[in-house]
Every structure is written in C-alpha cells, then in structure tokens.
C-alpha atoms as a PDB file:
ATOM      1  CA  UNK A   1     255.135  44.883 166.447  1.00  0.00           C
ATOM      2  CA  UNK A   2     252.820  43.580 163.540  1.00  0.00           C
ATOM      3  CA  UNK A   3     251.763  44.348 160.058  1.00  0.00           C
ATOM      4  CA  UNK A   4     248.489  45.704 159.089  1.00  0.00           C
ATOM      5  CA  UNK A   5     246.700  48.294 156.969  1.00  0.00           C
ATOM      6  CA  UNK A   6     245.131  51.658 158.099  1.00  0.00           C
ATOM      7  CA  UNK A   7     243.014  51.745 161.177  1.00  0.00           C
ATOM      8  CA  UNK A   8     240.738  54.257 162.048  1.00  0.00           C
ATOM      9  CA  UNK A   9     241.157  55.581 165.977  1.00  0.00           C
ATOM     10  CA  UNK A  10     238.540  58.074 167.813  1.00  0.00           C
ATOM     11  CA  UNK A  11     238.821  59.302 171.098  1.00  0.00           C
ATOM     12  CA  UNK A  12     236.983  61.315 173.643  1.00  0.00           C
ATOM     13  CA  UNK A  13     237.934  63.077 176.572  1.00  0.00           C
ATOM     14  CA  UNK A  14     236.880  61.669 180.009  1.00  0.00           C
ATOM     15  CA  UNK A  15     235.329  64.723 180.716  1.00  0.00           C
ATOM     16  CA  UNK A  16     232.634  63.606 177.635  1.00  0.00           C
ATOM     17  CA  UNK A  17     231.903  60.549 178.842  1.00  0.00           C
ATOM     18  CA  UNK A  18     228.512  60.873 180.476  1.00  0.00           C
ATOM     19  CA  UNK A  19     227.688  62.538 177.192  1.00  0.00           C
ATOM     20  CA  UNK A  20     228.756  59.515 175.415  1.00  0.00           C
ATOM     21  CA  UNK A  21     226.852  57.528 178.130  1.00  0.00           C
ATOM     22  CA  UNK A  22     223.512  59.672 177.875  1.00  0.00           C
ATOM     23  CA  UNK A  23     223.740  59.788 173.655  1.00  0.00           C
ATOM     24  CA  UNK A  24     223.930  55.887 173.929  1.00  0.00           C
ATOM     25  CA  UNK A  25     220.854  55.915 175.864  1.00  0.00           C
ATOM     26  CA  UNK A  26     218.650  57.627 173.218  1.00  0.00           C
ATOM     27  CA  UNK A  27     220.119  55.905 170.678  1.00  0.00           C
ATOM     28  CA  UNK A  28     219.833  52.362 171.971  1.00  0.00           C
ATOM     29  CA  UNK A  29     217.120  52.145 174.676  1.00  0.00           C
ATOM     30  CA  UNK A  30     216.612  48.815 174.265  1.00  0.00           C
ATOM     31  CA  UNK A  31     219.986  48.110 175.156  1.00  0.00           C
ATOM     32  CA  UNK A  32     219.774  50.258 177.992  1.00  0.00           C
ATOM     33  CA  UNK A  33     216.945  48.628 179.272  1.00  0.00           C
ATOM     34  CA  UNK A  34     218.369  45.011 179.540  1.00  0.00           C
ATOM     35  CA  UNK A  35     221.983  46.463 181.129  1.00  0.00           C
ATOM     36  CA  UNK A  36     222.641  49.827 182.212  1.00  0.00           C
ATOM     37  CA  UNK A  37     226.697  49.071 181.364  1.00  0.00           C
ATOM     38  CA  UNK A  38     226.110  48.049 177.816  1.00  0.00           C
ATOM     39  CA  UNK A  39     228.549  50.451 176.430  1.00  0.00           C
ATOM     40  CA  UNK A  40     231.234  48.071 178.455  1.00  0.00           C
ATOM     41  CA  UNK A  41     229.859  45.558 175.934  1.00  0.00           C
ATOM     42  CA  UNK A  42     231.466  46.782 172.829  1.00  0.00           C
ATOM     43  CA  UNK A  43     228.264  45.666 171.035  1.00  0.00           C
ATOM     44  CA  UNK A  44     227.225  49.169 169.395  1.00  0.00           C
ATOM     45  CA  UNK A  45     228.501  52.190 167.733  1.00  0.00           C
ATOM     46  CA  UNK A  46     228.156  55.334 167.554  1.00  0.00           C
ATOM     47  CA  UNK A  47     228.781  57.168 164.631  1.00  0.00           C
ATOM     48  CA  UNK A  48     230.919  60.476 164.424  1.00  0.00           C
ATOM     49  CA  UNK A  49     227.911  62.151 162.580  1.00  0.00           C
ATOM     50  CA  UNK A  50     225.837  60.854 165.426  1.00  0.00           C
ATOM     51  CA  UNK A  51     228.850  62.850 167.762  1.00  0.00           C
ATOM     52  CA  UNK A  52     228.297  65.845 165.912  1.00  0.00           C
ATOM     53  CA  UNK A  53     224.649  66.014 166.447  1.00  0.00           C
ATOM     54  CA  UNK A  54     224.745  65.268 170.039  1.00  0.00           C
ATOM     55  CA  UNK A  55     227.348  68.149 170.228  1.00  0.00           C
ATOM     56  CA  UNK A  56     230.475  65.375 171.903  1.00  0.00           C
ATOM     57  CA  UNK A  57     233.500  66.669 170.890  1.00  0.00           C
ATOM     58  CA  UNK A  58     235.929  64.426 169.633  1.00  0.00           C
ATOM     59  CA  UNK A  59     238.653  63.582 167.511  1.00  0.00           C
ATOM     60  CA  UNK A  60     240.107  61.403 164.986  1.00  0.00           C
ATOM     61  CA  UNK A  61     243.660  59.658 163.803  1.00  0.00           C
ATOM     62  CA  UNK A  62     244.474  57.948 160.876  1.00  0.00           C
ATOM     63  CA  UNK A  63     247.082  55.332 161.755  1.00  0.00           C
ATOM     64  CA  UNK A  64     249.243  53.897 159.218  1.00  0.00           C
ATOM     65  CA  UNK A  65     251.056  50.232 158.754  1.00  0.00           C
ATOM     66  CA  UNK A  66     254.055  50.371 161.203  1.00  0.00           C
ATOM     67  CA  UNK A  67     252.970  52.973 163.092  1.00  0.00           C
ATOM     68  CA  UNK A  68     252.176  52.816 167.025  1.00  0.00           C
ATOM     69  CA  UNK A  69     249.211  54.777 168.904  1.00  0.00           C
ATOM     70  CA  UNK A  70     249.888  55.298 172.382  1.00  0.00           C
ATOM     71  CA  UNK A  71     246.393  55.312 174.229  1.00  0.00           C
ATOM     72  CA  UNK A  72     245.670  56.297 177.888  1.00  0.00           C
ATOM     73  CA  UNK A  73     242.046  55.914 179.396  1.00  0.00           C
ATOM     74  CA  UNK A  74     240.775  55.436 183.204  1.00  0.00           C
ATOM     75  CA  UNK A  75     239.422  52.384 183.214  1.00  0.00           C
ATOM     76  CA  UNK A  76     236.519  53.673 184.344  1.00  0.00           C
ATOM     77  CA  UNK A  77     235.861  55.780 181.394  1.00  0.00           C
ATOM     78  CA  UNK A  78     236.944  54.175 177.932  1.00  0.00           C
ATOM     79  CA  UNK A  79     237.479  56.409 175.789  1.00  0.00           C
ATOM     80  CA  UNK A  80     238.682  55.409 171.994  1.00  0.00           C
ATOM     81  CA  UNK A  81     237.658  52.750 169.678  1.00  0.00           C
ATOM     82  CA  UNK A  82     239.859  51.796 166.713  1.00  0.00           C
ATOM     83  CA  UNK A  83     238.503  50.483 163.383  1.00  0.00           C
ATOM     84  CA  UNK A  84     240.522  48.157 161.076  1.00  0.00           C
ATOM     85  CA  UNK A  85     240.051  49.166 157.430  1.00  0.00           C
ATOM     86  CA  UNK A  86     242.000  46.092 156.299  1.00  0.00           C
ATOM     87  CA  UNK A  87     243.919  42.927 157.226  1.00  0.00           C
ATOM     88  CA  UNK A  88     245.754  43.028 160.703  1.00  0.00           C
ATOM     89  CA  UNK A  89     248.660  41.271 162.441  1.00  0.00           C
ATOM     90  CA  UNK A  90     249.205  43.244 165.627  1.00  0.00           C
ATOM     91  CA  UNK A  91     250.928  43.144 168.977  1.00  0.00           C
ATOM     92  CA  UNK A  92     249.093  45.012 172.267  1.00  0.00           C
ATOM     93  CA  UNK A  93     250.951  45.671 174.922  1.00  0.00           C
ATOM     94  CA  UNK A  94     249.257  46.733 177.996  1.00  0.00           C
ATOM     95  CA  UNK A  95     251.348  48.262 180.895  1.00  0.00           C
ATOM     96  CA  UNK A  96     248.957  48.357 184.249  1.00  0.00           C
END
C-alpha cells in the first residue's frame, strides 16, 4: 500500500464505449486519421462536460489517502481513468 493524495476516478460502463469512441473521433479527428485505435495511446482526455454534451453516462468517485479502488474492465473496452490530484506513491496489483 502506498501513500497518496486524493484521486478522481471517472468510469464509463462498457456498453457505452462505442459512444466514447464516436465522441473521440468527433473531438480529435486528426488523431483518428493517424490511428483508429488512438484511444489506447492514452494521449487525450475527454472532460466530464464533454461526456455530458455527448449524452454519455459516466460515474465519478474520489479516492482518498489510504483508500483502495478495485476496477474491472474488459481488455477490449477500457472504461476508466484516474486523475491524480497530488503526489502519489502507490502499488498496483493486476490479477488476470
């Protein structure tokens, strides 16, 4: 277990991933032209405001110091992102 400041997690259910891909194509057409799998590059961010504009349902949770977040996602539909709000030194365990 590491020590860390707060972190905001934004999640999108796998059944809405196609809507995310469509929104990303519209918002970042140049990236889409370079690579149709550009979402896997983790080089862009889509804000909660943009998700709302595109009517894409999402959830958010704030992780506090010494709290644990357990995520589950399908390899083909990554569906979460964590944004650090401070300094972090953490351990990650992948089970698979």
